[in-house]
C-alpha atoms as a PDB file:
ATOM      1  CA  MET A   1    -115.700-119.661-109.883  1.00  0.00           C
ATOM      2  CA  ASN A   2    -115.932-116.188-108.372  1.00  0.00           C
ATOM      3  CA  TYR A   3    -117.567-117.182-105.085  1.00  0.00           C
ATOM      4  CA  THR A   4    -116.448-116.392-101.557  1.00  0.00           C
ATOM      5  CA  PRO A   5    -118.127-118.681 -99.019  1.00  0.00           C
ATOM      6  CA  ALA A   6    -118.853-117.573 -95.493  1.00  0.00           C
ATOM      7  CA  PRO A   7    -116.469-119.144 -92.953  1.00  0.00           C
ATOM      8  CA  ASP A   8    -119.407-120.884 -91.245  1.00  0.00           C
ATOM      9  CA  LEU A   9    -121.240-121.733 -94.477  1.00  0.00           C
ATOM     10  CA  LEU A  10    -121.868-125.355 -93.442  1.00  0.00           C
ATOM     11  CA  LYS A  11    -122.133-124.925 -89.677  1.00  0.00           C
ATOM     12  CA  ASP A  12    -124.345-127.610 -88.059  1.00  0.00           C
ATOM     13  CA  ARG A  13    -124.766-129.420 -91.397  1.00  0.00           C
ATOM     14  CA  VAL A  14    -124.011-133.084 -91.998  1.00  0.00           C
ATOM     15  CA  ILE A  15    -122.440-133.842 -95.387  1.00  0.00           C
ATOM     16  CA  LEU A  16    -121.676-137.295 -96.805  1.00  0.00           C
ATOM     17  CA  VAL A  17    -118.690-137.504 -99.164  1.00  0.00           C
ATOM     18  CA  THR A  18    -117.978-140.659-101.164  1.00  0.00           C
ATOM     19  CA  GLY A  19    -114.461-141.358-102.343  1.00  0.00           C
ATOM     20  CA  ALA A  20    -113.304-139.337 -99.337  1.00  0.00           C
ATOM     21  CA  GLY A  21    -110.000-141.147 -98.914  1.00  0.00           C
ATOM     22  CA  GLN A  22    -108.112-139.367-101.668  1.00  0.00           C
ATOM     23  CA  GLY A  23    -108.234-136.847-104.497  1.00  0.00           C
ATOM     24  CA  ILE A  24    -111.084-134.397-104.896  1.00  0.00           C
ATOM     25  CA  GLY A  25    -113.213-136.286-102.374  1.00  0.00           C
ATOM     26  CA  LYS A  26    -110.578-135.885 -99.655  1.00  0.00           C
ATOM     27  CA  THR A  27    -110.030-132.225-100.517  1.00  0.00           C
ATOM     28  CA  ALA A  28    -113.777-131.530-100.453  1.00  0.00           C
ATOM     29  CA  ALA A  29    -114.281-133.388 -97.173  1.00  0.00           C
ATOM     30  CA  ILE A  30    -111.578-131.339 -95.431  1.00  0.00           C
ATOM     31  CA  THR A  31    -112.913-128.132 -97.002  1.00  0.00           C
ATOM     32  CA  TYR A  32    -116.462-128.864 -95.865  1.00  0.00           C
ATOM     33  CA  ALA A  33    -115.223-129.580 -92.347  1.00  0.00           C
ATOM     34  CA  HIS A  34    -113.245-126.327 -92.393  1.00  0.00           C
ATOM     35  CA  HIS A  35    -116.513-124.496 -93.098  1.00  0.00           C
ATOM     36  CA  GLY A  36    -118.288-126.125 -90.164  1.00  0.00           C
ATOM     37  CA  ALA A  37    -119.776-129.368 -91.488  1.00  0.00           C
ATOM     38  CA  THR A  38    -119.788-132.716 -89.766  1.00  0.00           C
ATOM     39  CA  VAL A  39    -118.492-134.855 -92.613  1.00  0.00           C
ATOM     40  CA  LEU A  40    -119.277-138.513 -93.220  1.00  0.00           C
ATOM     41  CA  LEU A  41    -116.215-140.000 -94.898  1.00  0.00           C
ATOM     42  CA  LEU A  42    -117.231-142.893 -97.142  1.00  0.00           C
ATOM     43  CA  GLY A  43    -114.694-145.070 -98.946  1.00  0.00           C
ATOM     44  CA  ARG A  44    -113.389-148.606 -99.265  1.00  0.00           C
ATOM     45  CA  ASN A  45    -109.875-148.066 -97.900  1.00  0.00           C
ATOM     46  CA  GLN A  46    -109.947-147.845 -94.112  1.00  0.00           C
ATOM     47  CA  LYS A  47    -106.373-146.594 -93.782  1.00  0.00           C
ATOM     48  CA  ARG A  48    -107.054-143.649 -96.093  1.00  0.00           C
ATOM     49  CA  LEU A  49    -110.307-142.814 -94.313  1.00  0.00           C
ATOM     50  CA  ASP A  50    -108.519-142.886 -90.964  1.00  0.00           C
ATOM     51  CA  ALA A  51    -105.856-140.508 -92.286  1.00  0.00           C
ATOM     52  CA  VAL A  52    -108.484-137.995 -93.447  1.00  0.00           C
ATOM     53  CA  TYR A  53    -110.330-138.403 -90.154  1.00  0.00           C
ATOM     54  CA  ASP A  54    -107.161-137.593 -88.225  1.00  0.00           C
ATOM     55  CA  GLU A  55    -106.386-134.594 -90.430  1.00  0.00           C
ATOM     56  CA  ILE A  56    -109.828-133.108 -89.802  1.00  0.00           C
ATOM     57  CA  VAL A  57    -109.714-133.731 -86.041  1.00  0.00           C
ATOM     58  CA  ASN A  58    -106.169-132.414 -85.704  1.00  0.00           C
ATOM     59  CA  ALA A  59    -107.221-129.211 -87.476  1.00  0.00           C
ATOM     60  CA  GLY A  60    -109.877-128.627 -84.826  1.00  0.00           C
ATOM     61  CA  TYR A  61    -112.839-129.052 -87.167  1.00  0.00           C
ATOM     62  CA  PRO A  62    -116.062-130.912 -86.195  1.00  0.00           C
ATOM     63  CA  GLU A  63    -115.370-134.593 -85.606  1.00  0.00           C
ATOM     64  CA  PRO A  64    -116.236-136.603 -88.739  1.00  0.00           C
ATOM     65  CA  MET A  65    -117.525-140.155 -89.074  1.00  0.00           C
ATOM     66  CA  ALA A  66    -115.780-142.785 -91.217  1.00  0.00           C
ATOM     67  CA  LEU A  67    -117.951-145.262 -93.131  1.00  0.00           C
ATOM     68  CA  LYS A  68    -116.140-148.115 -94.880  1.00  0.00           C
ATOM     69  CA  LEU A  69    -118.201-149.270 -97.874  1.00  0.00           C
ATOM     70  CA  ASP A  70    -117.266-150.739-101.243  1.00  0.00           C
ATOM     71  CA  LEU A  71    -119.702-149.349-103.812  1.00  0.00           C
ATOM     72  CA  ALA A  72    -118.929-152.280-106.112  1.00  0.00           C
ATOM     73  CA  GLN A  73    -120.445-154.661-103.547  1.00  0.00           C
ATOM     74  CA  THR A  74    -122.951-152.722-101.438  1.00  0.00           C
ATOM     75  CA  SER A  75    -126.602-153.780-101.664  1.00  0.00           C
ATOM     76  CA  ASP A  76    -129.812-151.760-101.307  1.00  0.00           C
ATOM     77  CA  GLU A  77    -130.264-153.146 -97.788  1.00  0.00           C
ATOM     78  CA  GLN A  78    -126.745-152.102 -96.801  1.00  0.00           C
ATOM     79  CA  PHE A  79    -127.334-148.584 -98.120  1.00  0.00           C
ATOM     80  CA  LYS A  80    -130.545-148.412 -96.088  1.00  0.00           C
ATOM     81  CA  ALA A  81    -128.691-149.612 -93.004  1.00  0.00           C
ATOM     82  CA  MET A  82    -126.047-146.939 -93.575  1.00  0.00           C
ATOM     83  CA  ALA A  83    -128.724-144.236 -93.805  1.00  0.00           C
ATOM     84  CA  GLN A  84    -130.285-145.540 -90.584  1.00  0.00           C
ATOM     85  CA  THR A  85    -126.887-145.369 -88.870  1.00  0.00           C
ATOM     86  CA  VAL A  86    -126.532-141.741 -89.944  1.00  0.00           C
ATOM     87  CA  PHE A  87    -129.970-140.952 -88.543  1.00  0.00           C
ATOM     88  CA  ASP A  88    -129.368-142.841 -85.281  1.00  0.00           C
ATOM     89  CA  GLN A  89    -126.005-141.205 -84.609  1.00  0.00           C
ATOM     90  CA  LEU A  90    -126.406-137.725 -86.110  1.00  0.00           C
ATOM     91  CA  GLY A  91    -130.134-137.245 -86.612  1.00  0.00           C
ATOM     92  CA  ARG A  92    -129.877-135.518 -89.981  1.00  0.00           C
ATOM     93  CA  LEU A  93    -128.268-135.385 -93.429  1.00  0.00           C
ATOM     94  CA  ASP A  94    -127.988-132.125 -95.363  1.00  0.00           C
ATOM     95  CA  GLY A  95    -125.964-133.098 -98.403  1.00  0.00           C
ATOM     96  CA  ILE A  96    -124.122-135.731-100.418  1.00  0.00           C
ATOM     97  CA  LEU A  97    -121.107-135.303-102.648  1.00  0.00           C
ATOM     98  CA  HIS A  98    -120.726-138.293-104.960  1.00  0.00           C
ATOM     99  CA  ASN A  99    -117.047-138.420-105.861  1.00  0.00           C
ATOM    100  CA  ALA A 100    -116.078-142.114-105.727  1.00  0.00           C
ATOM    101  CA  ALA A 101    -115.204-143.437-109.182  1.00  0.00           C
ATOM    102  CA  ARG A 102    -113.905-146.494-110.969  1.00  0.00           C
ATOM    103  CA  PHE A 103    -111.499-145.808-113.826  1.00  0.00           C
ATOM    104  CA  GLU A 104    -109.535-148.586-115.512  1.00  0.00           C
ATOM    105  CA  GLY A 105    -107.574-146.550-118.019  1.00  0.00           C
ATOM    106  CA  LEU A 106    -108.051-145.714-121.673  1.00  0.00           C
ATOM    107  CA  VAL A 107    -109.188-148.780-123.613  1.00  0.00           C
ATOM    108  CA  PRO A 108    -110.922-149.224-126.997  1.00  0.00           C
ATOM    109  CA  LEU A 109    -114.542-150.313-126.750  1.00  0.00           C
ATOM    110  CA  ALA A 110    -113.673-153.485-128.629  1.00  0.00           C
ATOM    111  CA  LEU A 111    -111.443-154.576-125.741  1.00  0.00           C
ATOM    112  CA  GLN A 112    -113.665-153.710-122.779  1.00  0.00           C
ATOM    113  CA  THR A 113    -115.196-156.797-121.180  1.00  0.00           C
ATOM    114  CA  LEU A 114    -118.689-157.186-119.792  1.00  0.00           C
ATOM    115  CA  ASP A 115    -117.269-157.394-116.262  1.00  0.00           C
ATOM    116  CA  GLN A 116    -115.402-154.105-116.770  1.00  0.00           C
ATOM    117  CA  TRP A 117    -118.558-152.438-118.055  1.00  0.00           C
ATOM    118  CA  MET A 118    -120.709-153.706-115.209  1.00  0.00           C
ATOM    119  CA  GLY A 119    -118.148-152.786-112.562  1.00  0.00           C
ATOM    120  CA  THR A 120    -117.695-149.275-113.921  1.00  0.00           C
ATOM    121  CA  LEU A 121    -121.408-148.613-114.341  1.00  0.00           C
ATOM    122  CA  ARG A 122    -122.136-149.941-110.867  1.00  0.00           C
ATOM    123  CA  VAL A 123    -119.593-147.790-109.018  1.00  0.00           C
ATOM    124  CA  ASN A 124    -119.959-144.618-111.087  1.00  0.00           C
ATOM    125  CA  LEU A 125    -123.694-144.606-111.779  1.00  0.00           C
ATOM    126  CA  ALA A 126    -125.893-147.270-110.179  1.00  0.00           C
ATOM    127  CA  ALA A 127    -124.434-147.139-106.662  1.00  0.00           C
ATOM    128  CA  PRO A 128    -124.656-143.333-106.357  1.00  0.00           C
ATOM    129  CA  VAL A 129    -128.306-143.529-107.389  1.00  0.00           C
ATOM    130  CA  ALA A 130    -128.975-146.319-104.860  1.00  0.00           C
ATOM    131  CA  LEU A 131    -127.165-144.485-102.076  1.00  0.00           C
ATOM    132  CA  THR A 132    -129.076-141.282-102.786  1.00  0.00           C
ATOM    133  CA  ARG A 133    -132.365-143.159-102.855  1.00  0.00           C
ATOM    134  CA  ALA A 134    -131.608-144.699 -99.457  1.00  0.00           C
ATOM    135  CA  CYS A 135    -130.864-141.244 -98.044  1.00  0.00           C
ATOM    136  CA  LEU A 136    -133.879-139.456 -99.534  1.00  0.00           C
ATOM    137  CA  PRO A 137    -135.967-139.643 -96.330  1.00  0.00           C
ATOM    138  CA  LEU A 138    -133.175-137.796 -94.499  1.00  0.00           C
ATOM    139  CA  LEU A 139    -132.508-135.317 -97.302  1.00  0.00           C
ATOM    140  CA  THR A 140    -136.164-134.407 -97.779  1.00  0.00           C
ATOM    141  CA  ARG A 141    -136.707-133.735 -94.073  1.00  0.00           C
ATOM    142  CA  ALA A 142    -133.745-131.326 -93.940  1.00  0.00           C
ATOM    143  CA  PRO A 143    -134.734-127.647 -94.297  1.00  0.00           C
ATOM    144  CA  ASP A 144    -132.163-127.149 -97.074  1.00  0.00           C
ATOM    145  CA  SER A 145    -130.260-129.985 -98.758  1.00  0.00           C
ATOM    146  CA  ALA A 146    -128.163-130.692-101.836  1.00  0.00           C
ATOM    147  CA  VAL A 147    -126.798-133.659-103.751  1.00  0.00           C
ATOM    148  CA  VAL A 148    -123.792-133.083-105.981  1.00  0.00           C
ATOM    149  CA  PHE A 149    -122.675-135.695-108.506  1.00  0.00           C
ATOM    150  CA  THR A 150    -119.213-135.636-110.053  1.00  0.00           C
ATOM    151  CA  SER A 151    -119.262-135.929-113.835  1.00  0.00           C
ATOM    152  CA  GLU A 152    -116.191-135.834-116.106  1.00  0.00           C
ATOM    153  CA  THR A 153    -115.038-134.037-119.241  1.00  0.00           C
ATOM    154  CA  HIS A 154    -115.370-137.108-121.479  1.00  0.00           C
ATOM    155  CA  GLY A 155    -118.786-137.960-120.123  1.00  0.00           C
ATOM    156  CA  HIS A 156    -119.921-134.447-120.965  1.00  0.00           C
ATOM    157  CA  ALA A 157    -118.249-134.526-124.418  1.00  0.00           C
ATOM    158  CA  PRO A 158    -117.323-138.155-125.226  1.00  0.00           C
ATOM    159  CA  THR A 159    -114.230-139.082-127.224  1.00  0.00           C
ATOM    160  CA  ALA A 160    -112.496-142.302-128.259  1.00  0.00           C
ATOM    161  CA  TYR A 161    -111.071-144.745-125.702  1.00  0.00           C
ATOM    162  CA  TRP A 162    -112.983-143.441-122.696  1.00  0.00           C
ATOM    163  CA  GLY A 163    -115.584-146.198-123.100  1.00  0.00           C
ATOM    164  CA  ALA A 164    -117.558-147.331-120.072  1.00  0.00           C
ATOM    165  CA  PHE A 165    -116.207-144.527-117.912  1.00  0.00           C
ATOM    166  CA  ALA A 166    -117.504-141.825-120.267  1.00  0.00           C
ATOM    167  CA  VAL A 167    -120.859-143.593-120.609  1.00  0.00           C
ATOM    168  CA  SER A 168    -121.211-143.847-116.829  1.00  0.00           C
ATOM    169  CA  LYS A 169    -120.511-140.141-116.377  1.00  0.00           C
ATOM    170  CA  ALA A 170    -122.908-139.201-119.176  1.00  0.00           C
ATOM    171  CA  GLY A 171    -125.478-141.241-117.270  1.00  0.00           C
ATOM    172  CA  VAL A 172    -124.766-139.221-114.136  1.00  0.00           C
ATOM    173  CA  GLU A 173    -125.693-136.016-115.939  1.00  0.00           C
ATOM    174  CA  THR A 174    -128.920-137.623-117.181  1.00  0.00           C
ATOM    175  CA  VAL A 175    -129.800-138.785-113.668  1.00  0.00           C
ATOM    176  CA  VAL A 176    -129.316-135.252-112.327  1.00  0.00           C
ATOM    177  CA  LYS A 177    -131.688-133.794-114.892  1.00  0.00           C
ATOM    178  CA  ILE A 178    -134.358-136.467-114.363  1.00  0.00           C
ATOM    179  CA  TRP A 179    -134.188-136.411-110.583  1.00  0.00           C
ATOM    180  CA  SER A 180    -134.305-132.622-110.407  1.00  0.00           C
ATOM    181  CA  GLU A 181    -137.648-132.706-112.235  1.00  0.00           C
ATOM    182  CA  GLU A 182    -138.975-135.436-109.967  1.00  0.00           C
ATOM    183  CA  LEU A 183    -138.117-133.417-106.858  1.00  0.00           C
ATOM    184  CA  THR A 184    -140.725-130.714-107.421  1.00  0.00           C
ATOM    185  CA  PRO A 185    -142.605-131.763-104.234  1.00  0.00           C
ATOM    186  CA  HIS A 186    -139.364-131.069-102.324  1.00  0.00           C
ATOM    187  CA  PRO A 187    -138.116-127.663-103.539  1.00  0.00           C
ATOM    188  CA  HIS A 188    -135.602-127.434-100.693  1.00  0.00           C
ATOM    189  CA  LEU A 189    -133.662-130.442-102.107  1.00  0.00           C
ATOM    190  CA  ARG A 190    -131.614-129.866-105.255  1.00  0.00           C
ATOM    191  CA  MET A 191    -129.354-132.035-107.419  1.00  0.00           C
ATOM    192  CA  ASN A 192    -126.550-130.810-109.645  1.00  0.00           C
ATOM    193  CA  ALA A 193    -123.354-132.121-111.227  1.00  0.00           C
ATOM    194  CA  ILE A 194    -119.802-130.837-111.530  1.00  0.00           C
ATOM    195  CA  VAL A 195    -117.333-131.483-114.350  1.00  0.00           C
ATOM    196  CA  PRO A 196    -114.021-130.765-112.562  1.00  0.00           C
ATOM    197  CA  GLY A 197    -111.897-130.600-115.715  1.00  0.00           C
ATOM    198  CA  PRO A 198    -108.130-131.265-115.722  1.00  0.00           C
ATOM    199  CA  VAL A 199    -106.711-130.958-112.186  1.00  0.00           C
ATOM    200  CA  ARG A 200    -103.893-132.514-110.176  1.00  0.00           C
ATOM    201  CA  SER A 201    -105.915-135.516-109.066  1.00  0.00           C
ATOM    202  CA  PRO A 202    -104.887-139.185-108.740  1.00  0.00           C
ATOM    203  CA  GLN A 203    -107.207-140.135-111.605  1.00  0.00           C
ATOM    204  CA  ARG A 204    -105.569-137.579-113.900  1.00  0.00           C
ATOM    205  CA  LEU A 205    -102.206-139.184-113.190  1.00  0.00           C
ATOM    206  CA  ILE A 206    -103.582-142.504-114.477  1.00  0.00           C
ATOM    207  CA  SER A 207    -105.193-141.083-117.619  1.00  0.00           C
ATOM    208  CA  HIS A 208    -102.387-138.649-118.505  1.00  0.00           C
ATOM    209  CA  PRO A 209     -99.179-140.041-116.959  1.00  0.00           C
ATOM    210  CA  ALA A 210     -96.787-137.993-119.117  1.00  0.00           C
ATOM    211  CA  GLU A 211     -98.481-134.672-118.413  1.00  0.00           C
ATOM    212  CA  ASN A 212     -96.718-131.859-116.560  1.00  0.00           C
ATOM    213  CA  ARG A 213     -98.827-131.784-113.395  1.00  0.00           C
ATOM    214  CA  GLU A 214     -97.401-128.460-112.293  1.00  0.00           C
ATOM    215  CA  GLN A 215     -99.263-126.775-115.153  1.00  0.00           C
ATOM    216  CA  LEU A 216    -102.647-128.077-113.953  1.00  0.00           C
ATOM    217  CA  PRO A 217    -104.967-126.331-111.498  1.00  0.00           C
ATOM    218  CA  THR A 218    -104.928-127.690-107.946  1.00  0.00           C
ATOM    219  CA  MET A 219    -107.860-129.565-106.469  1.00  0.00           C
ATOM    220  CA  GLU A 220    -108.176-126.753-103.926  1.00  0.00           C
ATOM    221  CA  SER A 221    -108.956-124.325-106.751  1.00  0.00           C
ATOM    222  CA  LEU A 222    -112.210-126.220-107.386  1.00  0.00           C
ATOM    223  CA  MET A 223    -113.492-125.864-103.855  1.00  0.00           C
ATOM    224  CA  PRO A 224    -115.452-122.583-104.239  1.00  0.00           C
ATOM    225  CA  LEU A 225    -117.750-124.393-106.701  1.00  0.00           C
ATOM    226  CA  TYR A 226    -118.007-127.480-104.477  1.00  0.00           C
ATOM    227  CA  LEU A 227    -118.895-125.276-101.510  1.00  0.00           C
ATOM    228  CA  TYR A 228    -121.407-123.246-103.489  1.00  0.00           C
ATOM    229  CA  LEU A 229    -123.353-126.274-104.716  1.00  0.00           C
ATOM    230  CA  ILE A 230    -123.415-128.143-101.388  1.00  0.00           C
ATOM    231  CA  GLY A 231    -124.313-125.047 -99.351  1.00  0.00           C
ATOM    232  CA  PRO A 232    -127.404-122.854 -99.011  1.00  0.00           C
ATOM    233  CA  ASP A 233    -126.298-120.182-101.491  1.00  0.00           C
ATOM    234  CA  SER A 234    -127.133-122.535-104.397  1.00  0.00           C
ATOM    235  CA  ARG A 235    -130.752-123.071-103.377  1.00  0.00           C
ATOM    236  CA  ASP A 236    -131.952-121.780-106.777  1.00  0.00           C
ATOM    237  CA  GLU A 237    -129.732-124.172-108.766  1.00  0.00           C
ATOM    238  CA  ASN A 238    -131.265-127.503-109.721  1.00  0.00           C
ATOM    239  CA  GLY A 239    -130.682-130.003-112.508  1.00  0.00           C
ATOM    240  CA  ARG A 240    -127.610-128.225-113.837  1.00  0.00           C
ATOM    241  CA  VAL A 241    -124.170-129.385-114.918  1.00  0.00           C
ATOM    242  CA  PHE A 242    -121.406-126.994-113.873  1.00  0.00           C
ATOM    243  CA  THR A 243    -118.006-127.053-115.581  1.00  0.00           C
ATOM    244  CA  ALA A 244    -115.117-125.904-113.410  1.00  0.00           C
END
């Protein structure tokens, strides 16, 4: 994307990033902090969250907050408690990047179990919706706020063997379109989705293990789009799916 963000694009903003311990989530969290945001690092692996926390602090960026949560287990009440913690400690929330994902490899539909389906749909679709719902009071009171969901190539254009994962990501795009229409009373809050495409991410290594990773774009190359959609310059974008 041909977009050059201001160095202080996210100054004084609080941004929650799920899946912040690795991959695109980690890269986005550090990038947001670099542009002035106080980042809430959400993930289920405390060691990884601590490593990202240290990297942000050591770089001299605003001190982040680490939130250990497993989206496969978290309840509505726990999401509400998390949102209350954010309000009590930081007083605001200006954006969410949903990047946490469950991917169990390429499997024919005939071999995917009910437990695999439910686990994938919960982490990739239901939990992001529940988390966003819990944070809506904070997001709607912010003067300018954005929620960005991460979709995926095979959710946008499904093909064989991507099964529950593709269905969950297709659902994400549907949620974005529905919610954007329901937000008309809150024009300062927008929701969009990003299809990152093939990049050098940990998930890509699982789905395409024999691929030459050096020929793929870096995760850093996606960041102009991630900054644009989470920051104020995208205030006229709502209910769209962007392909990187």
